[in-house]
Amino acid sequence: MELNERNIIIDDSLNRIAEAGMESYITHAFCSAGECEVWYGGSQLHFRKGDCMIVVANRQVTRMKPSVDFRVNVVYVDFDFINVCATHSNYGTRGGMSLYIDPIMHLNEEEQQLCERDFEEVFRRMRHPHKYFHGDEMIAVLQMLFIDFFEFH
């Protein structure tokens, strides 16, 4: 699969999560400041500083209320590109079911630092891609992000 501008979307906001057309994306987010109340599947969840979140079913998010100081790093990855990046673990089904119920993970200090570095690397490589191997480099950095999220979970 060829990488294009629709496969991976990086953002500093969760505003796109509930937009039309975003149902085909999985949202990976890390809260670096403040908090955001997220209404997900009929439940109110609290996404706070130091938390990461994977939302598999974006249409389950019906409302969000961020604090004034809320800061977040977000990577939206299209399902088709996720399949290209998929690791060879058997985590997918079991982990996906658990995340469908509760998409937020509370990280310790070491995990927070690792998560921040993962997002920084994804963002850096999107801004300054390799000339010939951009698709391959994005697969590699997203796999690291995914593996770390699996470990956190």
Protein backbone atom coordinates (compact mmCIF):
# COMPACT_ATOMS: atom_id res chain seq x y z
CA MET A 1 0.00 0.00 0.00
CA GLU A 2 1.29 3.43 -0.90
CA LEU A 3 1.40 6.07 1.81
CA ASN A 4 -0.68 9.16 1.09
CA GLU A 5 -1.97 12.18 3.02
CA ARG A 6 -5.13 10.34 4.07
CA ASN A 7 -3.44 7.27 5.63
CA ILE A 8 -1.99 9.13 8.62
CA ILE A 9 -3.25 12.40 10.06
CA ILE A 10 -1.34 14.06 12.88
CA ASP A 11 -3.02 16.69 15.01
CA ASP A 12 -2.95 18.53 18.32
CA SER A 13 -6.70 18.27 18.80
CA LEU A 14 -9.36 15.59 19.18
CA ASN A 15 -11.84 17.66 17.17
CA ARG A 16 -11.66 15.39 14.10
CA ILE A 17 -12.50 12.24 16.03
CA ALA A 18 -16.27 12.57 15.56
CA GLU A 19 -16.20 14.11 12.07
CA ALA A 20 -17.90 12.36 9.17
CA GLY A 21 -15.43 10.15 7.35
CA MET A 22 -13.29 9.46 10.42
CA GLU A 23 -15.04 6.15 11.15
CA SER A 24 -12.34 4.39 9.11
CA TYR A 25 -9.56 5.61 11.44
CA ILE A 26 -8.15 4.42 14.73
CA THR A 27 -7.25 7.30 17.04
CA HIS A 28 -4.09 7.19 19.17
CA ALA A 29 -3.76 10.09 21.60
CA PHE A 30 -1.56 11.23 24.49
CA CYS A 31 -2.67 13.97 26.90
CA SER A 32 0.30 16.14 27.89
CA ALA A 33 -1.62 18.78 29.90
CA GLY A 34 -5.05 19.42 31.37
CA GLU A 35 -7.92 17.03 30.87
CA CYS A 36 -10.85 16.32 28.61
CA GLU A 37 -14.20 14.76 29.44
CA VAL A 38 -15.05 12.31 26.66
CA TRP A 39 -18.49 10.80 26.17
CA TYR A 40 -17.78 7.38 24.71
CA GLY A 41 -20.41 4.71 24.14
CA GLY A 42 -22.79 6.43 26.54
CA SER A 43 -20.23 6.71 29.35
CA GLN A 44 -18.37 9.79 30.51
CA LEU A 45 -14.61 9.17 30.65
CA HIS A 46 -11.85 11.40 31.98
CA PHE A 47 -8.78 11.73 29.74
CA ARG A 48 -6.10 13.44 31.87
CA LYS A 49 -2.49 14.51 31.74
CA GLY A 50 -0.31 11.43 31.44
CA ASP A 51 -3.05 9.26 29.89
CA CYS A 52 -3.02 7.72 26.47
CA MET A 53 -6.06 6.58 24.55
CA ILE A 54 -6.85 4.33 21.60
CA VAL A 55 -10.29 4.81 20.09
CA VAL A 56 -11.10 2.03 17.65
CA ALA A 57 -14.69 3.11 17.07
CA ASN A 58 -14.55 6.87 16.58
CA ARG A 59 -18.30 7.12 16.11
CA GLN A 60 -18.67 6.03 19.76
CA VAL A 61 -17.39 9.48 20.78
CA THR A 62 -20.44 11.72 20.95
CA ARG A 63 -19.14 14.70 22.90
CA MET A 64 -15.95 16.15 24.37
CA LYS A 65 -15.34 18.91 26.90
CA PRO A 66 -11.66 19.88 27.15
CA SER A 67 -10.24 22.03 29.93
CA VAL A 68 -8.70 25.37 28.93
CA ASP A 69 -5.19 23.96 29.42
CA PHE A 70 -5.87 20.65 27.58
CA ARG A 71 -2.99 19.62 25.29
CA VAL A 72 -2.96 16.44 23.27
CA ASN A 73 -0.90 14.70 20.58
CA VAL A 74 -3.02 12.70 18.16
CA VAL A 75 -2.31 10.28 15.33
CA TYR A 76 -5.30 9.15 13.28
CA VAL A 77 -4.41 6.06 11.21
CA ASP A 78 -6.66 4.67 8.51
CA PHE A 79 -7.73 1.03 9.01
CA ASP A 80 -6.15 -0.02 5.71
CA PHE A 81 -2.79 1.43 6.73
CA ILE A 82 -3.15 -0.10 10.21
CA ASN A 83 -3.38 -3.50 8.52
CA VAL A 84 -0.10 -2.82 6.71
CA CYS A 85 1.53 -1.79 10.02
CA ALA A 86 0.05 -4.62 12.08
CA THR A 87 2.53 -6.40 14.31
CA HIS A 88 2.80 -10.17 14.35
CA SER A 89 1.41 -10.47 17.86
CA ASN A 90 -1.97 -11.95 18.72
CA TYR A 91 -2.85 -8.84 20.72
CA GLY A 92 -5.30 -7.42 18.18
CA THR A 93 -8.55 -9.22 18.96
CA ARG A 94 -8.18 -9.52 22.72
CA GLY A 95 -6.76 -6.04 23.16
CA GLY A 96 -9.24 -4.49 20.76
CA MET A 97 -12.18 -5.85 22.70
CA SER A 98 -10.81 -4.47 25.97
CA LEU A 99 -10.09 -1.08 24.41
CA TYR A 100 -13.59 -0.96 22.94
CA ILE A 101 -14.90 -1.04 26.52
CA ASP A 102 -12.40 1.47 27.98
CA PRO A 103 -10.04 3.26 25.56
CA ILE A 104 -8.05 5.20 28.19
CA MET A 105 -4.84 3.98 29.83
CA HIS A 106 -3.23 5.69 32.82
CA LEU A 107 0.56 5.73 32.40
CA ASN A 108 3.32 5.92 34.97
CA GLU A 109 6.11 8.50 34.56
CA GLU A 110 8.41 6.23 32.54
CA GLU A 111 5.57 5.20 30.21
CA GLN A 112 4.57 8.85 29.74
CA GLN A 113 8.09 9.76 28.64
CA LEU A 114 8.21 6.82 26.22
CA CYS A 115 4.80 7.73 24.80
CA GLU A 116 5.86 11.36 24.28
CA ARG A 117 9.01 10.23 22.46
CA ASP A 118 6.96 7.90 20.23
CA PHE A 119 4.64 10.73 19.19
CA GLU A 120 7.57 13.11 18.66
CA GLU A 121 9.21 10.58 16.33
CA VAL A 122 6.02 10.04 14.31
CA PHE A 123 5.54 13.81 13.99
CA ARG A 124 9.20 14.39 13.08
CA ARG A 125 9.17 11.77 10.35
CA MET A 126 5.92 13.12 8.91
CA ARG A 127 7.44 16.62 8.75
CA HIS A 128 10.86 15.49 7.43
CA PRO A 129 10.29 12.29 5.45
CA HIS A 130 12.89 10.14 3.78
CA LYS A 131 12.90 10.82 0.06
CA TYR A 132 12.50 7.23 -1.13
CA PHE A 133 11.36 5.27 1.91
CA HIS A 134 8.70 7.44 3.56
CA GLY A 135 6.08 4.67 3.60
CA ASP A 136 8.50 2.19 5.14
CA GLU A 137 9.71 4.66 7.78
CA MET A 138 6.12 5.48 8.78
CA ILE A 139 5.28 1.78 9.09
CA ALA A 140 8.33 1.35 11.35
CA VAL A 141 7.61 4.31 13.66
CA LEU A 142 3.92 3.47 13.88
CA GLN A 143 4.78 -0.12 14.78
CA MET A 144 6.89 1.19 17.69
CA LEU A 145 4.00 3.39 18.82
CA PHE A 146 1.57 0.45 18.57
CA ILE A 147 3.90 -1.94 20.40
CA ASP A 148 4.37 0.55 23.23
CA PHE A 149 0.62 1.14 23.46
CA PHE A 150 0.09 -2.65 23.60
CA GLU A 151 2.66 -2.83 26.40
CA PHE A 152 0.96 0.02 28.31
CA HIS A 153 -2.37 -1.73 27.97
